[in-house]
Amino acid sequence: MSAKRKGQYAGKVKKASQMLFYKRHVKPGVKGWELHKALGNDYPKVLGVLDDYLKPLDMQVKVVFEEEKQPEKPTIEELDKARFFVTLRNVATKDKLMGWRVDDLAGLAIAISYIVSNKGQVARKDVEKLLGEKIPNWKVGLNLDRYVRYGYLMQDDKGQLCLDWRTRAEVDQKKLIELLLSFDTEADASEMVDSN
């Protein structure tokens, strides 16, 4: 986008960044209808300009739809129902673990991929059993509670786990599954460890 065009949106970009960076609800981010009301009909373009400004900071504006499947070319009505966040653009780098241990992240990746492979919902006890084979049993419950508390997983009153808003906002599920499917030999494992 040209500098002149960015200049036209300067005030709206400022307002959008204030709305996205400051938590005002239980869940972070802002609903599309709130942005629509505050910024006008062209709010998707304003968010595009803000996203350009965030690139050098390795951050991005991310949209998450309530439904699991995100529309290819969403309408303004679909965007109004979605939630917008500012997230890290590349969360896979070693210096961006945000205080998480590598084994905790591995447990989260296992839980997410297991839930995805089971059509989006699975019994907590099944995830506990699977994680118990990979990490110490005393950590399994603590980690699952942490994943739920941080918004990566959601647990219903029947003990079923499904993906929550933060997974949809921060995790490229398709890429995660592709990486896990391509990771099939010990040689691959040693290469990944050496590269980190």
N, C-alpha and C. Protein backbone atom coordinates (compact mmCIF):
# COMPACT_ATOMS: atom_id res chain seq x y z
N MET A 1 0.84 -1.17 0.00
CA MET A 1 0.00 0.00 0.00
C MET A 1 0.89 1.24 0.00
N SER A 2 0.49 2.26 -0.74
CA SER A 2 1.30 3.46 -0.87
C SER A 2 1.33 4.26 0.42
N ALA A 3 2.36 5.12 0.54
CA ALA A 3 2.50 5.95 1.73
C ALA A 3 1.33 6.92 1.86
N LYS A 4 0.84 7.41 0.72
CA LYS A 4 -0.30 8.33 0.74
C LYS A 4 -1.53 7.64 1.32
N ARG A 5 -1.75 6.41 0.87
CA ARG A 5 -2.90 5.63 1.36
C ARG A 5 -2.77 5.34 2.84
N LYS A 6 -1.55 5.00 3.28
CA LYS A 6 -1.32 4.76 4.70
C LYS A 6 -1.60 6.03 5.51
N GLY A 7 -1.21 7.17 4.96
CA GLY A 7 -1.46 8.44 5.63
C GLY A 7 -2.94 8.73 5.81
N GLN A 8 -3.74 8.33 4.84
CA GLN A 8 -5.18 8.54 4.93
C GLN A 8 -5.79 7.73 6.09
N TYR A 9 -5.19 6.61 6.40
CA TYR A 9 -5.71 5.74 7.45
C TYR A 9 -5.03 5.96 8.80
N ALA A 10 -4.13 6.93 8.94
CA ALA A 10 -3.32 7.09 10.15
C ALA A 10 -4.16 7.15 11.42
N GLY A 11 -5.19 7.95 11.44
CA GLY A 11 -6.03 8.08 12.63
C GLY A 11 -6.76 6.79 12.95
N LYS A 12 -7.25 6.13 11.91
CA LYS A 12 -7.97 4.87 12.13
C LYS A 12 -7.02 3.76 12.57
N VAL A 13 -5.80 3.76 12.05
CA VAL A 13 -4.80 2.76 12.46
C VAL A 13 -4.48 2.95 13.94
N LYS A 14 -4.36 4.19 14.36
CA LYS A 14 -4.09 4.48 15.77
C LYS A 14 -5.22 3.96 16.65
N LYS A 15 -6.44 4.22 16.26
CA LYS A 15 -7.61 3.75 17.02
C LYS A 15 -7.67 2.23 17.04
N ALA A 16 -7.42 1.59 15.88
CA ALA A 16 -7.45 0.13 15.79
C ALA A 16 -6.38 -0.49 16.70
N SER A 17 -5.17 0.09 16.70
CA SER A 17 -4.10 -0.47 17.54
C SER A 17 -4.45 -0.33 19.02
N GLN A 18 -5.07 0.77 19.40
CA GLN A 18 -5.49 0.93 20.80
C GLN A 18 -6.52 -0.13 21.18
N MET A 19 -7.45 -0.38 20.28
CA MET A 19 -8.49 -1.38 20.56
C MET A 19 -7.91 -2.79 20.65
N LEU A 20 -6.94 -3.11 19.79
CA LEU A 20 -6.39 -4.46 19.75
C LEU A 20 -5.36 -4.73 20.84
N PHE A 21 -4.61 -3.71 21.24
CA PHE A 21 -3.54 -3.94 22.21
C PHE A 21 -4.00 -3.89 23.66
N TYR A 22 -5.11 -3.24 23.95
CA TYR A 22 -5.56 -3.13 25.32
C TYR A 22 -6.73 -4.04 25.57
N LYS A 23 -6.55 -4.95 26.53
CA LYS A 23 -7.57 -5.96 26.84
C LYS A 23 -8.77 -5.29 27.51
N ARG A 24 -9.95 -5.50 26.92
CA ARG A 24 -11.15 -4.90 27.47
C ARG A 24 -12.18 -5.95 27.85
N HIS A 25 -11.97 -7.18 27.47
CA HIS A 25 -12.92 -8.25 27.72
C HIS A 25 -12.20 -9.40 28.42
N VAL A 26 -12.96 -10.43 28.77
CA VAL A 26 -12.35 -11.61 29.36
C VAL A 26 -11.36 -12.23 28.37
N LYS A 27 -11.80 -12.37 27.12
CA LYS A 27 -10.91 -12.86 26.07
C LYS A 27 -10.22 -11.68 25.41
N PRO A 28 -8.96 -11.81 25.09
CA PRO A 28 -8.28 -10.73 24.37
C PRO A 28 -8.84 -10.56 22.97
N GLY A 29 -8.48 -9.48 22.36
CA GLY A 29 -8.92 -9.23 21.00
C GLY A 29 -10.21 -8.43 20.97
N VAL A 30 -10.66 -8.18 19.76
CA VAL A 30 -11.83 -7.33 19.53
C VAL A 30 -12.72 -8.00 18.50
N LYS A 31 -14.00 -7.97 18.74
CA LYS A 31 -14.96 -8.49 17.76
C LYS A 31 -14.99 -7.56 16.55
N GLY A 32 -15.24 -8.13 15.39
CA GLY A 32 -15.30 -7.37 14.16
C GLY A 32 -16.34 -6.26 14.19
N TRP A 33 -17.50 -6.55 14.78
CA TRP A 33 -18.55 -5.53 14.82
C TRP A 33 -18.12 -4.31 15.62
N GLU A 34 -17.25 -4.52 16.64
CA GLU A 34 -16.75 -3.38 17.43
C GLU A 34 -15.82 -2.52 16.57
N LEU A 35 -14.97 -3.18 15.80
CA LEU A 35 -14.07 -2.46 14.89
C LEU A 35 -14.88 -1.74 13.81
N HIS A 36 -15.90 -2.41 13.29
CA HIS A 36 -16.77 -1.84 12.27
C HIS A 36 -17.41 -0.55 12.79
N LYS A 37 -17.92 -0.62 14.00
CA LYS A 37 -18.58 0.54 14.62
C LYS A 37 -17.61 1.69 14.85
N ALA A 38 -16.40 1.38 15.32
CA ALA A 38 -15.41 2.41 15.66
C ALA A 38 -14.68 2.98 14.44
N LEU A 39 -14.45 2.12 13.41
CA LEU A 39 -13.59 2.52 12.30
C LEU A 39 -14.32 2.70 10.97
N GLY A 40 -15.52 2.16 10.86
CA GLY A 40 -16.27 2.29 9.62
C GLY A 40 -16.19 1.05 8.76
N ASN A 41 -16.83 1.13 7.59
CA ASN A 41 -16.93 -0.02 6.68
C ASN A 41 -15.58 -0.50 6.14
N ASP A 42 -14.59 0.37 6.13
CA ASP A 42 -13.29 -0.01 5.57
C ASP A 42 -12.33 -0.55 6.62
N TYR A 43 -12.86 -1.01 7.77
CA TYR A 43 -11.97 -1.48 8.83
C TYR A 43 -11.06 -2.63 8.40
N PRO A 44 -11.46 -3.54 7.47
CA PRO A 44 -10.50 -4.56 7.04
C PRO A 44 -9.26 -3.95 6.38
N LYS A 45 -9.43 -2.86 5.63
CA LYS A 45 -8.28 -2.19 5.01
C LYS A 45 -7.42 -1.53 6.07
N VAL A 46 -8.05 -0.93 7.07
CA VAL A 46 -7.31 -0.31 8.18
C VAL A 46 -6.46 -1.37 8.88
N LEU A 47 -7.04 -2.54 9.12
CA LEU A 47 -6.29 -3.62 9.76
C LEU A 47 -5.15 -4.12 8.88
N GLY A 48 -5.34 -4.06 7.57
CA GLY A 48 -4.25 -4.40 6.64
C GLY A 48 -3.08 -3.45 6.76
N VAL A 49 -3.39 -2.16 6.90
CA VAL A 49 -2.34 -1.15 7.08
C VAL A 49 -1.63 -1.39 8.42
N LEU A 50 -2.39 -1.63 9.47
CA LEU A 50 -1.80 -1.91 10.78
C LEU A 50 -0.91 -3.15 10.70
N ASP A 51 -1.35 -4.18 10.00
CA ASP A 51 -0.56 -5.40 9.84
C ASP A 51 0.78 -5.08 9.17
N ASP A 52 0.77 -4.19 8.16
CA ASP A 52 2.02 -3.77 7.51
C ASP A 52 2.97 -3.10 8.50
N TYR A 53 2.42 -2.26 9.36
CA TYR A 53 3.24 -1.59 10.37
C TYR A 53 3.82 -2.57 11.39
N LEU A 54 3.11 -3.66 11.66
CA LEU A 54 3.54 -4.63 12.66
C LEU A 54 4.58 -5.62 12.14
N LYS A 55 4.71 -5.75 10.81
CA LYS A 55 5.65 -6.73 10.23
C LYS A 55 7.08 -6.57 10.75
N PRO A 56 7.64 -5.35 10.79
CA PRO A 56 9.02 -5.23 11.30
C PRO A 56 9.16 -5.65 12.77
N LEU A 57 8.06 -5.67 13.50
CA LEU A 57 8.08 -6.09 14.90
C LEU A 57 7.81 -7.58 15.05
N ASP A 58 7.70 -8.28 13.91
CA ASP A 58 7.41 -9.71 13.87
C ASP A 58 6.07 -10.04 14.54
N MET A 59 5.10 -9.14 14.33
CA MET A 59 3.75 -9.33 14.85
C MET A 59 2.78 -9.23 13.68
N GLN A 60 1.53 -9.66 13.93
CA GLN A 60 0.52 -9.62 12.87
C GLN A 60 -0.87 -9.45 13.47
N VAL A 61 -1.79 -8.95 12.64
CA VAL A 61 -3.20 -8.92 13.00
C VAL A 61 -3.78 -10.23 12.51
N LYS A 62 -4.40 -10.96 13.40
CA LYS A 62 -4.94 -12.28 13.07
C LYS A 62 -6.45 -12.26 13.30
N VAL A 63 -7.18 -12.86 12.38
CA VAL A 63 -8.63 -12.97 12.51
C VAL A 63 -8.98 -14.42 12.79
N VAL A 64 -9.88 -14.64 13.75
CA VAL A 64 -10.33 -15.97 14.11
C VAL A 64 -11.84 -15.99 14.06
N PHE A 65 -12.38 -16.90 13.28
CA PHE A 65 -13.81 -17.04 13.13
C PHE A 65 -14.34 -18.01 14.19
N GLU A 66 -15.58 -17.83 14.57
CA GLU A 66 -16.18 -18.70 15.59
C GLU A 66 -16.20 -20.15 15.13
N GLU A 67 -16.46 -20.37 13.85
CA GLU A 67 -16.47 -21.73 13.32
C GLU A 67 -15.04 -22.19 13.12
N GLU A 68 -14.84 -23.49 13.18
CA GLU A 68 -13.50 -24.05 12.98
C GLU A 68 -12.95 -23.70 11.60
N LYS A 69 -13.81 -23.82 10.57
CA LYS A 69 -13.35 -23.58 9.21
C LYS A 69 -13.47 -22.09 8.89
N GLN A 70 -12.35 -21.52 8.45
CA GLN A 70 -12.35 -20.10 8.13
C GLN A 70 -12.69 -19.92 6.65
N PRO A 71 -13.60 -18.98 6.36
CA PRO A 71 -13.96 -18.74 4.96
C PRO A 71 -12.77 -18.22 4.15
N GLU A 72 -12.71 -18.62 2.88
CA GLU A 72 -11.62 -18.19 2.01
C GLU A 72 -11.65 -16.70 1.77
N LYS A 73 -12.80 -16.19 1.35
CA LYS A 73 -12.99 -14.76 1.13
C LYS A 73 -14.17 -14.30 1.98
N PRO A 74 -13.89 -13.97 3.25
CA PRO A 74 -14.99 -13.64 4.16
C PRO A 74 -15.72 -12.35 3.76
N THR A 75 -17.01 -12.36 3.97
CA THR A 75 -17.83 -11.17 3.74
C THR A 75 -17.69 -10.25 4.95
N ILE A 76 -18.15 -9.03 4.82
CA ILE A 76 -18.10 -8.08 5.93
C ILE A 76 -18.94 -8.60 7.09
N GLU A 77 -20.04 -9.29 6.81
CA GLU A 77 -20.89 -9.86 7.86
C GLU A 77 -20.15 -10.96 8.62
N GLU A 78 -19.40 -11.79 7.90
CA GLU A 78 -18.60 -12.83 8.56
C GLU A 78 -17.48 -12.22 9.39
N LEU A 79 -16.85 -11.17 8.86
CA LEU A 79 -15.79 -10.49 9.61
C LEU A 79 -16.34 -9.82 10.86
N ASP A 80 -17.54 -9.28 10.79
CA ASP A 80 -18.16 -8.64 11.95
C ASP A 80 -18.36 -9.63 13.10
N LYS A 81 -18.55 -10.91 12.79
CA LYS A 81 -18.76 -11.94 13.82
C LYS A 81 -17.44 -12.52 14.33
N ALA A 82 -16.34 -12.27 13.62
CA ALA A 82 -15.04 -12.83 13.97
C ALA A 82 -14.38 -12.02 15.08
N ARG A 83 -13.29 -12.55 15.61
CA ARG A 83 -12.50 -11.86 16.64
C ARG A 83 -11.11 -11.58 16.06
N PHE A 84 -10.58 -10.39 16.31
CA PHE A 84 -9.28 -9.96 15.80
C PHE A 84 -8.30 -9.83 16.96
N PHE A 85 -7.06 -10.31 16.74
CA PHE A 85 -6.00 -10.30 17.74
C PHE A 85 -4.72 -9.77 17.12
N VAL A 86 -3.80 -9.37 17.99
CA VAL A 86 -2.42 -9.14 17.56
C VAL A 86 -1.62 -10.29 18.15
N THR A 87 -0.93 -11.04 17.28
CA THR A 87 -0.13 -12.18 17.72
C THR A 87 1.26 -12.08 17.10
N LEU A 88 2.15 -12.95 17.58
CA LEU A 88 3.48 -13.04 16.98
C LEU A 88 3.35 -13.66 15.60
N ARG A 89 4.14 -13.15 14.67
CA ARG A 89 4.10 -13.65 13.29
C ARG A 89 4.78 -15.01 13.18
N ASN A 90 5.89 -15.19 13.88
CA ASN A 90 6.66 -16.43 13.80
C ASN A 90 6.91 -16.92 15.21
N VAL A 91 6.03 -17.78 15.71
CA VAL A 91 6.15 -18.24 17.09
C VAL A 91 7.04 -19.47 17.24
N ALA A 92 7.60 -19.95 16.15
CA ALA A 92 8.38 -21.18 16.20
C ALA A 92 9.83 -20.96 16.62
N THR A 93 10.25 -19.73 16.76
CA THR A 93 11.65 -19.50 17.08
C THR A 93 11.93 -19.71 18.56
N LYS A 94 13.12 -20.11 18.87
CA LYS A 94 13.53 -20.51 20.21
C LYS A 94 13.37 -19.39 21.24
N ASP A 95 13.63 -18.15 20.85
CA ASP A 95 13.59 -17.05 21.80
C ASP A 95 12.18 -16.56 22.09
N LYS A 96 11.16 -17.19 21.50
CA LYS A 96 9.79 -16.73 21.69
C LYS A 96 8.93 -17.78 22.40
N LEU A 97 9.51 -18.57 23.27
CA LEU A 97 8.74 -19.59 23.96
C LEU A 97 7.93 -18.99 25.11
N MET A 98 8.13 -17.73 25.43
CA MET A 98 7.34 -17.00 26.41
C MET A 98 7.27 -17.71 27.76
N GLY A 99 8.40 -18.24 28.21
CA GLY A 99 8.45 -18.88 29.51
C GLY A 99 7.98 -20.34 29.51
N TRP A 100 7.61 -20.87 28.39
CA TRP A 100 7.18 -22.26 28.32
C TRP A 100 8.40 -23.16 28.14
N ARG A 101 8.38 -24.30 28.78
CA ARG A 101 9.41 -25.30 28.57
C ARG A 101 9.10 -26.04 27.27
N VAL A 102 10.13 -26.56 26.63
CA VAL A 102 9.96 -27.26 25.36
C VAL A 102 9.04 -28.47 25.53
N ASP A 103 9.16 -29.20 26.64
CA ASP A 103 8.30 -30.38 26.83
C ASP A 103 6.84 -29.98 27.06
N ASP A 104 6.60 -28.80 27.65
CA ASP A 104 5.22 -28.32 27.80
C ASP A 104 4.62 -27.96 26.44
N LEU A 105 5.43 -27.35 25.58
CA LEU A 105 4.97 -27.04 24.22
C LEU A 105 4.74 -28.31 23.42
N ALA A 106 5.60 -29.29 23.62
CA ALA A 106 5.42 -30.57 22.93
C ALA A 106 4.11 -31.22 23.37
N GLY A 107 3.83 -31.16 24.67
CA GLY A 107 2.56 -31.70 25.18
C GLY A 107 1.36 -30.99 24.57
N LEU A 108 1.46 -29.67 24.43
CA LEU A 108 0.38 -28.90 23.82
C LEU A 108 0.20 -29.30 22.36
N ALA A 109 1.32 -29.46 21.64
CA ALA A 109 1.25 -29.88 20.23
C ALA A 109 0.60 -31.26 20.11
N ILE A 110 0.94 -32.17 21.02
CA ILE A 110 0.35 -33.50 21.01
C ILE A 110 -1.15 -33.41 21.27
N ALA A 111 -1.53 -32.64 22.27
CA ALA A 111 -2.95 -32.51 22.62
C ALA A 111 -3.74 -31.90 21.46
N ILE A 112 -3.21 -30.84 20.86
CA ILE A 112 -3.90 -30.18 19.74
C ILE A 112 -4.04 -31.15 18.57
N SER A 113 -2.95 -31.81 18.20
CA SER A 113 -3.00 -32.70 17.04
C SER A 113 -3.93 -33.89 17.30
N TYR A 114 -3.96 -34.37 18.53
CA TYR A 114 -4.86 -35.49 18.86
C TYR A 114 -6.32 -35.05 18.76
N ILE A 115 -6.62 -33.87 19.25
CA ILE A 115 -7.99 -33.35 19.16
C ILE A 115 -8.38 -33.12 17.70
N VAL A 116 -7.48 -32.53 16.91
CA VAL A 116 -7.76 -32.30 15.49
C VAL A 116 -8.00 -33.63 14.78
N SER A 117 -7.19 -34.64 15.07
CA SER A 117 -7.33 -35.93 14.40
C SER A 117 -8.60 -36.67 14.81
N ASN A 118 -9.21 -36.25 15.91
CA ASN A 118 -10.46 -36.86 16.37
C ASN A 118 -11.65 -35.94 16.13
N LYS A 119 -11.59 -35.20 15.04
CA LYS A 119 -12.69 -34.34 14.59
C LYS A 119 -13.07 -33.23 15.57
N GLY A 120 -12.08 -32.77 16.33
CA GLY A 120 -12.29 -31.57 17.14
C GLY A 120 -12.75 -31.77 18.56
N GLN A 121 -12.96 -33.01 18.99
CA GLN A 121 -13.39 -33.24 20.37
C GLN A 121 -12.95 -34.61 20.83
N VAL A 122 -12.46 -34.67 22.08
CA VAL A 122 -11.97 -35.94 22.61
C VAL A 122 -12.10 -35.91 24.14
N ALA A 123 -12.24 -37.08 24.75
CA ALA A 123 -12.33 -37.16 26.20
C ALA A 123 -10.99 -36.79 26.83
N ARG A 124 -11.05 -36.02 27.92
CA ARG A 124 -9.83 -35.60 28.60
C ARG A 124 -9.00 -36.81 29.02
N LYS A 125 -9.68 -37.87 29.50
CA LYS A 125 -8.94 -39.05 29.96
C LYS A 125 -8.11 -39.68 28.85
N ASP A 126 -8.60 -39.58 27.60
CA ASP A 126 -7.83 -40.12 26.47
C ASP A 126 -6.58 -39.28 26.21
N VAL A 127 -6.70 -37.96 26.34
CA VAL A 127 -5.53 -37.09 26.17
C VAL A 127 -4.55 -37.31 27.31
N GLU A 128 -5.08 -37.48 28.53
CA GLU A 128 -4.21 -37.75 29.69
C GLU A 128 -3.42 -39.04 29.48
N LYS A 129 -4.08 -40.07 28.97
CA LYS A 129 -3.41 -41.35 28.72
C LYS A 129 -2.30 -41.18 27.69
N LEU A 130 -2.60 -40.47 26.60
CA LEU A 130 -1.61 -40.26 25.55
C LEU A 130 -0.42 -39.45 26.07
N LEU A 131 -0.70 -38.35 26.78
CA LEU A 131 0.39 -37.53 27.30
C LEU A 131 1.20 -38.27 28.36
N GLY A 132 0.53 -39.17 29.10
CA GLY A 132 1.22 -39.96 30.13
C GLY A 132 2.30 -40.87 29.57
N GLU A 133 2.20 -41.18 28.27
CA GLU A 133 3.23 -41.98 27.61
C GLU A 133 4.44 -41.14 27.21
N LYS A 134 4.28 -39.82 27.20
CA LYS A 134 5.33 -38.93 26.69
C LYS A 134 5.98 -38.07 27.77
N ILE A 135 5.22 -37.70 28.80
CA ILE A 135 5.75 -36.84 29.85
C ILE A 135 5.43 -37.46 31.21
N PRO A 136 6.11 -37.03 32.27
CA PRO A 136 5.84 -37.61 33.60
C PRO A 136 4.36 -37.46 33.98
N ASN A 137 3.80 -38.51 34.58
CA ASN A 137 2.38 -38.51 34.92
C ASN A 137 1.97 -37.34 35.82
N TRP A 138 2.84 -36.93 36.74
CA TRP A 138 2.47 -35.85 37.65
C TRP A 138 2.30 -34.52 36.91
N LYS A 139 2.89 -34.38 35.70
CA LYS A 139 2.77 -33.15 34.92
C LYS A 139 1.56 -33.12 33.99
N VAL A 140 0.99 -34.29 33.72
CA VAL A 140 -0.08 -34.38 32.72
C VAL A 140 -1.26 -33.50 33.11
N GLY A 141 -1.79 -33.70 34.29
CA GLY A 141 -2.94 -32.93 34.74
C GLY A 141 -2.64 -31.44 34.85
N LEU A 142 -1.45 -31.13 35.38
CA LEU A 142 -1.04 -29.72 35.50
C LEU A 142 -0.98 -29.04 34.14
N ASN A 143 -0.38 -29.74 33.16
CA ASN A 143 -0.26 -29.16 31.82
C ASN A 143 -1.63 -28.98 31.16
N LEU A 144 -2.49 -29.99 31.26
CA LEU A 144 -3.82 -29.86 30.66
C LEU A 144 -4.60 -28.70 31.29
N ASP A 145 -4.50 -28.58 32.61
CA ASP A 145 -5.17 -27.45 33.28
C ASP A 145 -4.60 -26.12 32.78
N ARG A 146 -3.31 -26.08 32.57
CA ARG A 146 -2.66 -24.86 32.07
C ARG A 146 -3.12 -24.54 30.64
N TYR A 147 -3.21 -25.56 29.78
CA TYR A 147 -3.66 -25.34 28.41
C TYR A 147 -5.10 -24.80 28.39
N VAL A 148 -5.92 -25.30 29.30
CA VAL A 148 -7.31 -24.83 29.40
C VAL A 148 -7.33 -23.40 29.94
N ARG A 149 -6.59 -23.16 31.01
CA ARG A 149 -6.55 -21.84 31.64
C ARG A 149 -6.05 -20.76 30.68
N TYR A 150 -5.09 -21.09 29.83
CA TYR A 150 -4.52 -20.11 28.91
C TYR A 150 -5.32 -19.97 27.61
N GLY A 151 -6.39 -20.77 27.45
CA GLY A 151 -7.26 -20.60 26.29
C GLY A 151 -6.87 -21.41 25.06
N TYR A 152 -5.97 -22.38 25.22
CA TYR A 152 -5.61 -23.23 24.08
C TYR A 152 -6.61 -24.37 23.91
N LEU A 153 -7.09 -24.89 25.03
CA LEU A 153 -8.09 -25.96 25.01
C LEU A 153 -9.29 -25.53 25.85
N MET A 154 -10.43 -26.12 25.55
CA MET A 154 -11.64 -25.86 26.32
C MET A 154 -12.18 -27.20 26.79
N GLN A 155 -12.62 -27.24 28.05
CA GLN A 155 -13.18 -28.47 28.60
C GLN A 155 -14.63 -28.22 28.98
N ASP A 156 -15.52 -29.12 28.54
CA ASP A 156 -16.93 -28.96 28.91
C ASP A 156 -17.22 -29.73 30.20
N ASP A 157 -18.47 -29.66 30.65
CA ASP A 157 -18.83 -30.30 31.92
C ASP A 157 -18.86 -31.83 31.85
N LYS A 158 -18.72 -32.39 30.65
CA LYS A 158 -18.68 -33.85 30.48
C LYS A 158 -17.25 -34.37 30.36
N GLY A 159 -16.27 -33.50 30.54
CA GLY A 159 -14.87 -33.92 30.46
C GLY A 159 -14.34 -34.05 29.04
N GLN A 160 -15.02 -33.42 28.08
CA GLN A 160 -14.57 -33.44 26.69
C GLN A 160 -13.68 -32.22 26.43
N LEU A 161 -12.59 -32.43 25.72
CA LEU A 161 -11.70 -31.34 25.35
C LEU A 161 -11.89 -30.99 23.87
N CYS A 162 -11.84 -29.69 23.57
CA CYS A 162 -11.83 -29.22 22.20
C CYS A 162 -10.91 -28.01 22.13
N LEU A 163 -10.65 -27.54 20.93
CA LEU A 163 -9.75 -26.41 20.74
C LEU A 163 -10.45 -25.12 21.13
N ASP A 164 -9.71 -24.21 21.76
CA ASP A 164 -10.29 -22.93 22.19
C ASP A 164 -9.73 -21.80 21.33
N TRP A 165 -10.11 -20.59 21.65
CA TRP A 165 -9.82 -19.41 20.82
C TRP A 165 -8.34 -19.22 20.58
N ARG A 166 -7.51 -19.46 21.56
CA ARG A 166 -6.09 -19.16 21.41
C ARG A 166 -5.40 -20.09 20.42
N THR A 167 -5.82 -21.34 20.39
CA THR A 167 -5.27 -22.26 19.39
C THR A 167 -5.64 -21.79 18.00
N ARG A 168 -6.90 -21.38 17.83
CA ARG A 168 -7.33 -20.90 16.51
C ARG A 168 -6.62 -19.61 16.13
N ALA A 169 -6.23 -18.81 17.12
CA ALA A 169 -5.55 -17.55 16.84
C ALA A 169 -4.06 -17.72 16.59
N GLU A 170 -3.41 -18.63 17.30
CA GLU A 170 -1.96 -18.69 17.30
C GLU A 170 -1.35 -19.90 16.60
N VAL A 171 -2.12 -20.95 16.39
CA VAL A 171 -1.56 -22.19 15.87
C VAL A 171 -2.06 -22.43 14.45
N ASP A 172 -1.14 -22.63 13.54
CA ASP A 172 -1.49 -23.04 12.18
C ASP A 172 -1.68 -24.55 12.22
N GLN A 173 -2.93 -24.97 12.40
CA GLN A 173 -3.23 -26.39 12.61
C GLN A 173 -2.80 -27.24 11.43
N LYS A 174 -3.02 -26.75 10.24
CA LYS A 174 -2.65 -27.51 9.04
C LYS A 174 -1.14 -27.73 8.99
N LYS A 175 -0.38 -26.69 9.28
CA LYS A 175 1.08 -26.81 9.27
C LYS A 175 1.56 -27.75 10.38
N LEU A 176 0.92 -27.66 11.55
CA LEU A 176 1.29 -28.55 12.65
C LEU A 176 1.11 -30.01 12.25
N ILE A 177 -0.03 -30.33 11.65
CA ILE A 177 -0.29 -31.71 11.24
C ILE A 177 0.70 -32.15 10.16
N GLU A 178 0.98 -31.25 9.20
CA GLU A 178 1.96 -31.58 8.15
C GLU A 178 3.33 -31.86 8.75
N LEU A 179 3.74 -31.05 9.71
CA LEU A 179 5.04 -31.26 10.37
C LEU A 179 5.08 -32.59 11.11
N LEU A 180 4.00 -32.90 11.81
CA LEU A 180 3.96 -34.16 12.55
C LEU A 180 3.96 -35.36 11.62
N LEU A 181 3.26 -35.25 10.50
CA LEU A 181 3.23 -36.36 9.54
C LEU A 181 4.57 -36.55 8.84
N SER A 182 5.30 -35.47 8.64
CA SER A 182 6.60 -35.59 7.97
C SER A 182 7.70 -36.02 8.93
N PHE A 183 7.45 -36.00 10.22
CA PHE A 183 8.43 -36.32 11.25
C PHE A 183 8.30 -37.80 11.58
N ASP A 184 9.02 -38.64 10.80
CA ASP A 184 8.80 -40.08 10.96
C ASP A 184 10.05 -40.91 11.24
N THR A 185 11.19 -40.28 11.38
CA THR A 185 12.38 -41.09 11.66
C THR A 185 13.21 -40.44 12.75
N GLU A 186 14.06 -41.24 13.37
CA GLU A 186 14.95 -40.70 14.39
C GLU A 186 15.94 -39.73 13.79
N ALA A 187 16.30 -39.94 12.54
CA ALA A 187 17.22 -39.02 11.86
C ALA A 187 16.58 -37.63 11.77
N ASP A 188 15.27 -37.58 11.45
CA ASP A 188 14.58 -36.29 11.42
C ASP A 188 14.63 -35.63 12.79
N ALA A 189 14.46 -36.44 13.85
CA ALA A 189 14.46 -35.90 15.21
C ALA A 189 15.81 -35.28 15.54
N SER A 190 16.91 -35.98 15.19
CA SER A 190 18.23 -35.44 15.51
C SER A 190 18.52 -34.16 14.71
N GLU A 191 18.02 -34.09 13.49
CA GLU A 191 18.20 -32.87 12.69
C GLU A 191 17.47 -31.69 13.32
N MET A 192 16.25 -31.94 13.82
CA MET A 192 15.49 -30.86 14.44
C MET A 192 16.16 -30.38 15.72
N VAL A 193 16.68 -31.30 16.52
CA VAL A 193 17.34 -30.92 17.76
C VAL A 193 18.60 -30.12 17.44
N ASP A 194 19.38 -30.57 16.46
CA ASP A 194 20.61 -29.86 16.09
C ASP A 194 20.31 -28.45 15.56
N SER A 195 19.20 -28.30 14.83
CA SER A 195 18.90 -26.99 14.24
C SER A 195 18.44 -26.00 15.29
N ASN A 196 17.96 -26.47 16.45
CA ASN A 196 17.52 -25.56 17.52
C ASN A 196 18.66 -25.28 18.42
